């Protein structure tokens, strides 16, 4: 059985520190405090959905980058998730 890599149309690479949650499971309440920081990281997405988060040197083994993918150089900056309050009245 062959494993097909997910496509990606957006890559953010050259991330010095990437803040994320540890592990690969959904979180609620106090579990959201379990912060992890990856160094020398990359993030990839396909049609707005994240398909890869990890060390940049594993990016090529983790996803297939589309020929017309947007590549963003983070310039060795820190990257944190966007915090959005979707609560409306």
C-alpha atoms as a PDB file:
ATOM      1  CA  UNK A   1       0.000   0.000   0.000  1.00  0.00           C
ATOM      2  CA  UNK A   2       1.486   3.379  -0.970  1.00  0.00           C
ATOM      3  CA  UNK A   3       1.074   6.424   1.212  1.00  0.00           C
ATOM      4  CA  UNK A   4       0.081   9.547  -0.699  1.00  0.00           C
ATOM      5  CA  UNK A   5       1.305  12.844   0.720  1.00  0.00           C
ATOM      6  CA  UNK A   6      -1.222  15.638   1.233  1.00  0.00           C
ATOM      7  CA  UNK A   7      -1.035  18.570  -1.158  1.00  0.00           C
ATOM      8  CA  UNK A   8      -0.342  22.083   0.076  1.00  0.00           C
ATOM      9  CA  UNK A   9      -0.876  25.474  -1.521  1.00  0.00           C
ATOM     10  CA  UNK A  10       0.623  27.576   1.293  1.00  0.00           C
ATOM     11  CA  UNK A  11       3.902  27.051   3.131  1.00  0.00           C
ATOM     12  CA  UNK A  12       5.336  29.171   5.928  1.00  0.00           C
ATOM     13  CA  UNK A  13       8.961  28.258   6.452  1.00  0.00           C
ATOM     14  CA  UNK A  14      12.064  29.583   8.180  1.00  0.00           C
ATOM     15  CA  UNK A  15      10.190  29.845  11.499  1.00  0.00           C
ATOM     16  CA  UNK A  16      12.564  30.212  14.457  1.00  0.00           C
ATOM     17  CA  UNK A  17       9.933  29.373  17.105  1.00  0.00           C
ATOM     18  CA  UNK A  18       6.434  28.060  16.467  1.00  0.00           C
ATOM     19  CA  UNK A  19       3.949  28.052  19.354  1.00  0.00           C
ATOM     20  CA  UNK A  20       1.487  25.192  19.177  1.00  0.00           C
ATOM     21  CA  UNK A  21      -0.261  22.685  21.413  1.00  0.00           C
ATOM     22  CA  UNK A  22       1.613  19.490  22.255  1.00  0.00           C
ATOM     23  CA  UNK A  23       0.391  16.253  20.702  1.00  0.00           C
ATOM     24  CA  UNK A  24      -2.226  15.591  18.067  1.00  0.00           C
ATOM     25  CA  UNK A  25      -5.544  15.550  19.855  1.00  0.00           C
ATOM     26  CA  UNK A  26      -8.403  18.027  20.326  1.00  0.00           C
ATOM     27  CA  UNK A  27      -8.189  20.135  23.499  1.00  0.00           C
ATOM     28  CA  UNK A  28     -10.737  21.612  25.876  1.00  0.00           C
ATOM     29  CA  UNK A  29     -10.549  23.677  29.068  1.00  0.00           C
ATOM     30  CA  UNK A  30      -7.313  23.317  31.054  1.00  0.00           C
ATOM     31  CA  UNK A  31      -5.744  21.088  28.368  1.00  0.00           C
ATOM     32  CA  UNK A  32      -5.370  24.262  26.288  1.00  0.00           C
ATOM     33  CA  UNK A  33      -2.523  25.255  28.629  1.00  0.00           C
ATOM     34  CA  UNK A  34      -0.308  22.450  27.290  1.00  0.00           C
ATOM     35  CA  UNK A  35       1.804  24.723  25.088  1.00  0.00           C
ATOM     36  CA  UNK A  36       4.631  23.396  22.962  1.00  0.00           C
ATOM     37  CA  UNK A  37       7.277  25.322  21.047  1.00  0.00           C
ATOM     38  CA  UNK A  38       8.889  23.922  17.905  1.00  0.00           C
ATOM     39  CA  UNK A  39      12.141  25.395  16.643  1.00  0.00           C
ATOM     40  CA  UNK A  40      13.272  25.609  13.009  1.00  0.00           C
ATOM     41  CA  UNK A  41       9.693  24.841  11.998  1.00  0.00           C
ATOM     42  CA  UNK A  42       7.326  25.032   9.037  1.00  0.00           C
ATOM     43  CA  UNK A  43       3.562  25.074   8.550  1.00  0.00           C
ATOM     44  CA  UNK A  44       1.721  24.002   5.396  1.00  0.00           C
ATOM     45  CA  UNK A  45      -1.926  24.313   4.411  1.00  0.00           C
ATOM     46  CA  UNK A  46      -4.214  23.142   1.621  1.00  0.00           C
ATOM     47  CA  UNK A  47      -7.295  25.206   0.805  1.00  0.00           C
ATOM     48  CA  UNK A  48      -7.213  26.897   4.207  1.00  0.00           C
ATOM     49  CA  UNK A  49      -6.726  23.743   6.255  1.00  0.00           C
ATOM     50  CA  UNK A  50      -3.435  23.002   8.007  1.00  0.00           C
ATOM     51  CA  UNK A  51      -1.904  19.760   6.717  1.00  0.00           C
ATOM     52  CA  UNK A  52       1.596  19.950   8.245  1.00  0.00           C
ATOM     53  CA  UNK A  53       3.190  21.394  11.379  1.00  0.00           C
ATOM     54  CA  UNK A  54       6.682  20.319  12.275  1.00  0.00           C
ATOM     55  CA  UNK A  55      10.394  20.680  11.773  1.00  0.00           C
ATOM     56  CA  UNK A  56      11.202  22.332   8.453  1.00  0.00           C
ATOM     57  CA  UNK A  57      13.613  19.559   7.517  1.00  0.00           C
ATOM     58  CA  UNK A  58      10.638  17.140   7.547  1.00  0.00           C
ATOM     59  CA  UNK A  59       8.419  19.313   5.324  1.00  0.00           C
ATOM     60  CA  UNK A  60       9.355  17.647   2.017  1.00  0.00           C
ATOM     61  CA  UNK A  61       8.615  14.204   3.492  1.00  0.00           C
ATOM     62  CA  UNK A  62       5.300  15.381   4.956  1.00  0.00           C
ATOM     63  CA  UNK A  63       3.554  17.207   2.103  1.00  0.00           C
ATOM     64  CA  UNK A  64       3.560  17.695  -1.651  1.00  0.00           C
ATOM     65  CA  UNK A  65       4.063  21.402  -2.384  1.00  0.00           C
ATOM     66  CA  UNK A  66       1.979  22.543  -5.376  1.00  0.00           C
ATOM     67  CA  UNK A  67       3.907  24.231  -8.177  1.00  0.00           C
ATOM     68  CA  UNK A  68       1.947  27.449  -7.658  1.00  0.00           C
ATOM     69  CA  UNK A  69       1.992  27.319  -3.848  1.00  0.00           C
ATOM     70  CA  UNK A  70       2.510  30.549  -1.926  1.00  0.00           C
ATOM     71  CA  UNK A  71       5.771  30.280   0.009  1.00  0.00           C
ATOM     72  CA  UNK A  72       6.153  32.658   2.948  1.00  0.00           C
ATOM     73  CA  UNK A  73       9.567  33.188   4.552  1.00  0.00           C
ATOM     74  CA  UNK A  74       9.026  33.959   8.247  1.00  0.00           C
ATOM     75  CA  UNK A  75      12.532  35.416   8.439  1.00  0.00           C
ATOM     76  CA  UNK A  76      13.426  33.420  11.561  1.00  0.00           C
ATOM     77  CA  UNK A  77      10.586  35.092  13.468  1.00  0.00           C
ATOM     78  CA  UNK A  78       8.316  33.583  16.086  1.00  0.00           C
ATOM     79  CA  UNK A  79       4.916  32.412  14.836  1.00  0.00           C
ATOM     80  CA  UNK A  80       1.877  32.039  17.085  1.00  0.00           C
ATOM     81  CA  UNK A  81      -1.678  30.934  16.306  1.00  0.00           C
ATOM     82  CA  UNK A  82      -4.260  33.613  15.677  1.00  0.00           C
ATOM     83  CA  UNK A  83      -6.638  33.883  18.572  1.00  0.00           C
ATOM     84  CA  UNK A  84     -10.137  34.610  17.321  1.00  0.00           C
ATOM     85  CA  UNK A  85     -13.166  35.187  19.495  1.00  0.00           C
ATOM     86  CA  UNK A  86     -16.054  34.011  17.342  1.00  0.00           C
ATOM     87  CA  UNK A  87     -18.633  35.051  19.929  1.00  0.00           C
ATOM     88  CA  UNK A  88     -21.109  37.492  18.404  1.00  0.00           C
ATOM     89  CA  UNK A  89     -24.316  39.123  19.507  1.00  0.00           C
END
